[in-house]
N, C-alpha and C. Protein backbone atom coordinates (compact mmCIF):
# COMPACT_ATOMS: atom_id res chain seq x y z
N MET A 1 22.94 25.32 34.47
CA MET A 1 22.91 23.91 34.80
C MET A 1 23.53 23.73 36.18
N SER A 2 22.85 22.98 37.02
CA SER A 2 23.40 22.71 38.36
C SER A 2 24.51 21.67 38.27
N ALA A 3 25.11 21.37 39.39
CA ALA A 3 26.23 20.42 39.43
C ALA A 3 25.80 19.09 38.82
N VAL A 4 26.67 18.57 37.97
CA VAL A 4 26.40 17.29 37.31
C VAL A 4 27.34 16.25 37.89
N GLU A 5 26.76 15.13 38.28
CA GLU A 5 27.56 14.04 38.84
C GLU A 5 26.97 12.72 38.37
N LYS A 6 27.69 11.66 38.62
CA LYS A 6 27.19 10.34 38.29
C LYS A 6 25.83 10.15 38.93
N GLY A 7 24.86 9.69 38.16
CA GLY A 7 23.51 9.50 38.66
C GLY A 7 22.56 10.64 38.33
N THR A 8 23.09 11.78 37.88
CA THR A 8 22.22 12.89 37.49
C THR A 8 21.29 12.44 36.37
N GLU A 9 20.00 12.71 36.55
CA GLU A 9 19.03 12.35 35.51
C GLU A 9 18.69 13.58 34.69
N LEU A 10 18.65 13.40 33.38
CA LEU A 10 18.28 14.48 32.48
C LEU A 10 16.76 14.62 32.49
N PRO A 11 16.25 15.83 32.32
CA PRO A 11 14.80 16.00 32.27
C PRO A 11 14.24 15.23 31.06
N PRO A 12 13.20 14.43 31.25
CA PRO A 12 12.66 13.66 30.13
C PRO A 12 12.09 14.57 29.05
N LEU A 13 12.06 14.04 27.84
CA LEU A 13 11.55 14.80 26.70
C LEU A 13 10.67 13.87 25.87
N GLU A 14 9.51 14.35 25.48
CA GLU A 14 8.62 13.61 24.59
C GLU A 14 8.51 14.37 23.28
N LEU A 15 8.70 13.65 22.18
CA LEU A 15 8.62 14.25 20.85
C LEU A 15 7.71 13.41 19.97
N ARG A 16 6.92 14.07 19.17
CA ARG A 16 6.04 13.38 18.22
C ARG A 16 6.70 13.38 16.84
N VAL A 17 6.57 12.26 16.15
CA VAL A 17 7.05 12.12 14.78
C VAL A 17 5.85 11.80 13.91
N THR A 18 5.59 12.66 12.92
CA THR A 18 4.45 12.47 12.03
C THR A 18 4.94 12.11 10.63
N ARG A 19 4.02 11.71 9.80
CA ARG A 19 4.36 11.41 8.41
C ARG A 19 4.92 12.67 7.72
N ALA A 20 4.39 13.83 8.08
CA ALA A 20 4.93 15.08 7.50
C ALA A 20 6.40 15.26 7.89
N ASP A 21 6.76 14.89 9.12
CA ASP A 21 8.17 14.95 9.54
C ASP A 21 9.02 14.03 8.67
N LEU A 22 8.49 12.85 8.36
CA LEU A 22 9.23 11.90 7.54
C LEU A 22 9.47 12.45 6.14
N VAL A 23 8.47 13.12 5.58
CA VAL A 23 8.62 13.72 4.25
C VAL A 23 9.71 14.79 4.29
N ARG A 24 9.66 15.64 5.31
CA ARG A 24 10.69 16.70 5.42
C ARG A 24 12.08 16.10 5.60
N TYR A 25 12.18 15.07 6.43
CA TYR A 25 13.48 14.45 6.66
C TYR A 25 13.99 13.77 5.39
N ALA A 26 13.09 13.11 4.67
CA ALA A 26 13.49 12.45 3.42
C ALA A 26 14.06 13.47 2.44
N GLY A 27 13.41 14.62 2.33
CA GLY A 27 13.89 15.66 1.43
C GLY A 27 15.24 16.21 1.85
N ALA A 28 15.42 16.39 3.14
CA ALA A 28 16.69 16.95 3.64
C ALA A 28 17.83 15.94 3.53
N SER A 29 17.52 14.67 3.78
CA SER A 29 18.58 13.65 3.82
C SER A 29 18.82 12.99 2.47
N GLY A 30 17.84 13.06 1.59
CA GLY A 30 17.94 12.37 0.32
C GLY A 30 17.56 10.90 0.42
N ASP A 31 17.10 10.46 1.59
CA ASP A 31 16.68 9.06 1.78
C ASP A 31 15.20 8.96 1.44
N LEU A 32 14.93 8.62 0.19
CA LEU A 32 13.55 8.56 -0.29
C LEU A 32 13.00 7.13 -0.32
N ASN A 33 13.59 6.24 0.44
CA ASN A 33 13.14 4.86 0.50
C ASN A 33 11.65 4.83 0.83
N PRO A 34 10.84 4.12 0.04
CA PRO A 34 9.40 4.14 0.26
C PRO A 34 8.93 3.50 1.57
N ILE A 35 9.79 2.79 2.29
CA ILE A 35 9.36 2.26 3.60
C ILE A 35 9.10 3.40 4.58
N HIS A 36 9.54 4.61 4.21
CA HIS A 36 9.35 5.77 5.07
C HIS A 36 8.13 6.60 4.69
N TRP A 37 7.39 6.16 3.66
CA TRP A 37 6.18 6.90 3.29
C TRP A 37 5.05 6.06 2.73
N SER A 38 5.30 4.80 2.35
CA SER A 38 4.26 3.97 1.74
C SER A 38 3.95 2.76 2.62
N ASP A 39 2.72 2.71 3.13
CA ASP A 39 2.30 1.54 3.91
C ASP A 39 2.38 0.27 3.07
N ARG A 40 2.01 0.35 1.81
CA ARG A 40 2.03 -0.82 0.94
C ARG A 40 3.42 -1.40 0.82
N VAL A 41 4.40 -0.54 0.58
CA VAL A 41 5.78 -1.02 0.45
C VAL A 41 6.31 -1.50 1.81
N ALA A 42 6.06 -0.75 2.85
CA ALA A 42 6.56 -1.11 4.19
C ALA A 42 6.03 -2.48 4.62
N THR A 43 4.73 -2.68 4.51
CA THR A 43 4.17 -3.97 4.91
C THR A 43 4.58 -5.07 3.94
N GLY A 44 4.80 -4.71 2.69
CA GLY A 44 5.23 -5.68 1.69
C GLY A 44 6.60 -6.26 1.96
N VAL A 45 7.43 -5.53 2.68
CA VAL A 45 8.76 -6.04 3.03
C VAL A 45 8.81 -6.55 4.47
N GLY A 46 7.63 -6.70 5.08
CA GLY A 46 7.57 -7.31 6.40
C GLY A 46 7.57 -6.36 7.58
N LEU A 47 7.53 -5.08 7.34
CA LEU A 47 7.47 -4.11 8.44
C LEU A 47 6.01 -3.94 8.89
N PRO A 48 5.81 -3.49 10.14
CA PRO A 48 4.44 -3.32 10.61
C PRO A 48 3.73 -2.11 10.02
N GLY A 49 4.45 -1.26 9.33
CA GLY A 49 3.90 -0.05 8.71
C GLY A 49 5.05 0.86 8.37
N VAL A 50 4.72 2.08 7.98
CA VAL A 50 5.74 3.08 7.66
C VAL A 50 6.59 3.34 8.90
N ILE A 51 7.91 3.39 8.71
CA ILE A 51 8.81 3.61 9.85
C ILE A 51 9.61 4.90 9.66
N ALA A 52 9.97 5.49 10.77
CA ALA A 52 10.84 6.67 10.76
C ALA A 52 12.24 6.26 10.32
N HIS A 53 12.95 7.17 9.71
CA HIS A 53 14.34 6.94 9.36
C HIS A 53 15.13 6.71 10.65
N GLY A 54 15.99 5.73 10.65
CA GLY A 54 16.80 5.47 11.83
C GLY A 54 17.63 6.67 12.23
N MET A 55 18.17 7.36 11.24
CA MET A 55 19.00 8.53 11.55
C MET A 55 18.17 9.68 12.11
N LEU A 56 16.88 9.74 11.77
CA LEU A 56 16.00 10.74 12.37
C LEU A 56 15.79 10.42 13.85
N THR A 57 15.55 9.15 14.15
CA THR A 57 15.39 8.73 15.55
C THR A 57 16.66 9.04 16.34
N MET A 58 17.80 8.76 15.73
CA MET A 58 19.08 9.05 16.37
C MET A 58 19.24 10.55 16.61
N ALA A 59 18.82 11.35 15.64
CA ALA A 59 18.92 12.81 15.77
C ALA A 59 18.02 13.34 16.88
N LEU A 60 16.85 12.73 17.06
CA LEU A 60 15.96 13.16 18.15
C LEU A 60 16.62 12.93 19.50
N ALA A 61 17.31 11.79 19.64
CA ALA A 61 18.01 11.52 20.91
C ALA A 61 19.17 12.49 21.10
N ALA A 62 19.84 12.85 20.02
CA ALA A 62 20.92 13.84 20.13
C ALA A 62 20.36 15.20 20.53
N ARG A 63 19.19 15.55 19.99
CA ARG A 63 18.53 16.81 20.36
C ARG A 63 18.23 16.84 21.85
N PHE A 64 17.81 15.71 22.38
CA PHE A 64 17.53 15.57 23.80
C PHE A 64 18.77 15.94 24.63
N VAL A 65 19.92 15.42 24.24
CA VAL A 65 21.17 15.68 24.97
C VAL A 65 21.61 17.13 24.80
N THR A 66 21.55 17.64 23.57
CA THR A 66 22.00 19.02 23.35
C THR A 66 21.08 20.03 24.04
N ALA A 67 19.80 19.72 24.15
CA ALA A 67 18.89 20.61 24.87
C ALA A 67 19.29 20.67 26.34
N TRP A 68 19.74 19.54 26.88
CA TRP A 68 20.15 19.49 28.28
C TRP A 68 21.46 20.24 28.50
N VAL A 69 22.44 19.98 27.67
CA VAL A 69 23.76 20.59 27.88
C VAL A 69 23.79 22.05 27.41
N GLY A 70 22.88 22.42 26.50
CA GLY A 70 22.76 23.80 26.08
C GLY A 70 23.63 24.21 24.91
N ASP A 71 24.44 23.30 24.38
CA ASP A 71 25.35 23.67 23.29
C ASP A 71 25.65 22.44 22.45
N PRO A 72 25.17 22.40 21.21
CA PRO A 72 25.44 21.23 20.36
C PRO A 72 26.92 20.93 20.17
N SER A 73 27.76 21.95 20.24
CA SER A 73 29.20 21.71 20.05
C SER A 73 29.84 21.04 21.27
N ALA A 74 29.08 20.90 22.35
CA ALA A 74 29.61 20.23 23.55
C ALA A 74 29.66 18.71 23.39
N VAL A 75 28.94 18.18 22.40
CA VAL A 75 28.94 16.72 22.19
C VAL A 75 30.29 16.30 21.64
N ARG A 76 30.96 15.41 22.39
CA ARG A 76 32.29 14.92 22.00
C ARG A 76 32.21 13.60 21.26
N SER A 77 31.24 12.78 21.62
CA SER A 77 31.00 11.52 20.91
C SER A 77 29.56 11.11 21.13
N TYR A 78 29.05 10.30 20.20
CA TYR A 78 27.66 9.87 20.27
C TYR A 78 27.50 8.63 19.42
N GLY A 79 26.86 7.63 19.97
CA GLY A 79 26.62 6.42 19.19
C GLY A 79 25.39 5.69 19.71
N VAL A 80 24.75 4.95 18.81
CA VAL A 80 23.57 4.15 19.16
C VAL A 80 23.59 2.87 18.34
N ARG A 81 22.74 1.95 18.75
CA ARG A 81 22.39 0.78 17.93
C ARG A 81 20.89 0.89 17.68
N PHE A 82 20.49 0.61 16.46
CA PHE A 82 19.07 0.64 16.13
C PHE A 82 18.48 -0.72 16.50
N THR A 83 17.58 -0.74 17.51
CA THR A 83 17.06 -2.01 18.01
C THR A 83 15.64 -2.31 17.54
N ARG A 84 14.86 -1.27 17.26
CA ARG A 84 13.47 -1.45 16.86
C ARG A 84 13.05 -0.19 16.11
N PRO A 85 12.28 -0.34 15.03
CA PRO A 85 11.86 0.85 14.30
C PRO A 85 10.75 1.62 15.01
N VAL A 86 10.68 2.90 14.71
CA VAL A 86 9.58 3.74 15.17
C VAL A 86 8.53 3.71 14.07
N VAL A 87 7.41 3.06 14.36
CA VAL A 87 6.31 2.97 13.39
C VAL A 87 5.49 4.24 13.50
N VAL A 88 5.29 4.90 12.36
CA VAL A 88 4.61 6.20 12.35
C VAL A 88 3.24 6.04 11.67
N PRO A 89 2.16 6.15 12.44
CA PRO A 89 0.83 5.98 11.85
C PRO A 89 0.46 7.14 10.93
N ASP A 90 -0.49 6.88 10.05
CA ASP A 90 -0.95 7.90 9.10
C ASP A 90 -2.12 8.66 9.74
N ASP A 91 -1.78 9.49 10.73
CA ASP A 91 -2.78 10.32 11.40
C ASP A 91 -2.13 11.64 11.79
N ASP A 92 -2.86 12.48 12.48
CA ASP A 92 -2.33 13.80 12.85
C ASP A 92 -1.42 13.76 14.08
N GLU A 93 -1.47 12.68 14.85
CA GLU A 93 -0.67 12.61 16.08
C GLU A 93 0.70 11.99 15.86
N GLY A 94 0.81 11.05 14.96
CA GLY A 94 2.09 10.40 14.72
C GLY A 94 2.48 9.47 15.85
N ALA A 95 3.78 9.24 15.96
CA ALA A 95 4.34 8.35 16.99
C ALA A 95 4.97 9.20 18.09
N LEU A 96 4.82 8.76 19.32
CA LEU A 96 5.43 9.45 20.45
C LEU A 96 6.75 8.78 20.80
N VAL A 97 7.83 9.54 20.76
CA VAL A 97 9.14 9.04 21.17
C VAL A 97 9.45 9.67 22.52
N GLU A 98 9.70 8.81 23.51
CA GLU A 98 9.98 9.25 24.87
C GLU A 98 11.46 9.07 25.16
N LEU A 99 12.10 10.15 25.57
CA LEU A 99 13.54 10.15 25.80
C LEU A 99 13.86 10.44 27.26
N SER A 100 14.80 9.69 27.79
CA SER A 100 15.29 9.92 29.14
C SER A 100 16.78 9.60 29.14
N GLY A 101 17.46 10.04 30.17
CA GLY A 101 18.89 9.78 30.23
C GLY A 101 19.44 9.96 31.62
N LYS A 102 20.59 9.34 31.83
CA LYS A 102 21.25 9.43 33.13
C LYS A 102 22.75 9.52 32.91
N VAL A 103 23.40 10.38 33.69
CA VAL A 103 24.85 10.50 33.66
C VAL A 103 25.44 9.27 34.34
N THR A 104 26.31 8.55 33.62
CA THR A 104 26.91 7.34 34.18
C THR A 104 28.34 7.56 34.64
N ASP A 105 28.93 8.71 34.26
CA ASP A 105 30.30 9.00 34.68
C ASP A 105 30.60 10.47 34.38
N VAL A 106 31.42 11.07 35.19
CA VAL A 106 31.95 12.41 34.92
C VAL A 106 33.44 12.36 35.20
N THR A 107 34.24 12.66 34.17
CA THR A 107 35.69 12.66 34.30
C THR A 107 36.25 13.85 33.55
N ASP A 108 37.02 14.66 34.24
CA ASP A 108 37.69 15.82 33.63
C ASP A 108 36.72 16.70 32.84
N GLY A 109 35.55 16.95 33.40
CA GLY A 109 34.59 17.84 32.77
C GLY A 109 33.80 17.23 31.62
N ILE A 110 33.94 15.93 31.40
CA ILE A 110 33.20 15.23 30.36
C ILE A 110 32.20 14.29 31.03
N ALA A 111 30.92 14.47 30.70
CA ALA A 111 29.88 13.59 31.23
C ALA A 111 29.51 12.54 30.19
N LYS A 112 29.42 11.31 30.65
CA LYS A 112 28.93 10.22 29.80
C LYS A 112 27.46 10.03 30.14
N VAL A 113 26.61 10.11 29.11
CA VAL A 113 25.16 10.05 29.31
C VAL A 113 24.61 8.82 28.60
N ALA A 114 23.94 7.97 29.37
CA ALA A 114 23.22 6.83 28.80
C ALA A 114 21.81 7.30 28.47
N ILE A 115 21.40 7.11 27.23
CA ILE A 115 20.13 7.61 26.74
C ILE A 115 19.17 6.44 26.52
N THR A 116 17.92 6.64 26.94
CA THR A 116 16.87 5.66 26.67
C THR A 116 15.86 6.31 25.74
N ALA A 117 15.57 5.65 24.63
CA ALA A 117 14.56 6.12 23.68
C ALA A 117 13.51 5.03 23.54
N ARG A 118 12.26 5.39 23.79
CA ARG A 118 11.16 4.42 23.74
C ARG A 118 10.03 4.93 22.84
N CYS A 119 9.37 3.98 22.22
CA CYS A 119 8.16 4.28 21.47
C CYS A 119 7.19 3.13 21.73
N ASP A 120 5.97 3.44 22.08
CA ASP A 120 4.98 2.42 22.46
C ASP A 120 5.51 1.51 23.57
N GLY A 121 6.27 2.09 24.49
CA GLY A 121 6.78 1.34 25.63
C GLY A 121 7.96 0.43 25.33
N LYS A 122 8.46 0.46 24.09
CA LYS A 122 9.57 -0.42 23.70
C LYS A 122 10.79 0.41 23.35
N THR A 123 11.96 -0.10 23.74
CA THR A 123 13.21 0.59 23.43
C THR A 123 13.46 0.56 21.93
N VAL A 124 13.80 1.72 21.36
CA VAL A 124 14.06 1.81 19.92
C VAL A 124 15.53 2.07 19.60
N LEU A 125 16.29 2.48 20.60
CA LEU A 125 17.73 2.66 20.43
C LEU A 125 18.43 1.90 21.54
N GLY A 126 19.45 1.15 21.20
CA GLY A 126 20.23 0.44 22.20
C GLY A 126 21.62 1.03 22.29
N ARG A 127 22.26 0.81 23.42
CA ARG A 127 23.62 1.31 23.64
C ARG A 127 23.78 2.77 23.21
N ALA A 128 22.77 3.55 23.49
CA ALA A 128 22.79 4.97 23.14
C ALA A 128 23.57 5.73 24.21
N VAL A 129 24.72 6.25 23.82
CA VAL A 129 25.60 6.93 24.77
C VAL A 129 26.18 8.17 24.10
N ALA A 130 26.16 9.27 24.85
CA ALA A 130 26.80 10.51 24.39
C ALA A 130 27.82 10.94 25.44
N GLU A 131 28.91 11.50 24.99
CA GLU A 131 29.87 12.14 25.87
C GLU A 131 29.84 13.63 25.56
N VAL A 132 29.62 14.42 26.60
CA VAL A 132 29.48 15.86 26.43
C VAL A 132 30.40 16.62 27.38
N ALA A 133 30.96 17.70 26.86
CA ALA A 133 31.76 18.60 27.69
C ALA A 133 30.81 19.47 28.49
N LEU A 134 30.99 19.47 29.79
CA LEU A 134 30.12 20.27 30.65
C LEU A 134 30.58 21.72 30.66
N PRO A 135 29.64 22.64 30.77
CA PRO A 135 30.02 24.05 30.84
C PRO A 135 30.87 24.30 32.09
N SER A 136 31.86 25.17 31.95
CA SER A 136 32.72 25.43 33.13
C SER A 136 32.15 26.51 34.00
């Protein structure tokens, strides 16, 4: 990794989320809420369709940061607000989640990274910030 300073932009990352991913995540997390697999239930409660688990979306953004820093244990803190769901269509392509980020501060070897997560051109995570220890 080259020198990191305020303003450093992380390489963007695009990830697809499919219904199969939702099934695997539901099994791993134990979150079997039918809004994550049934269009009938999801639309019945006012959602536009089946949505990805919020914690899965959060994990994708964390993966983006750890891929950049190179070590998952370098993450010192991480938090987001869920602003909009990721609607996952029932097809082979799924939903495209686009991730980008920028270093907003570096102090004592800790970089603060503001993360942007978008799906269909709309922000899906708000106030997404990670603090990571930079490699020495």
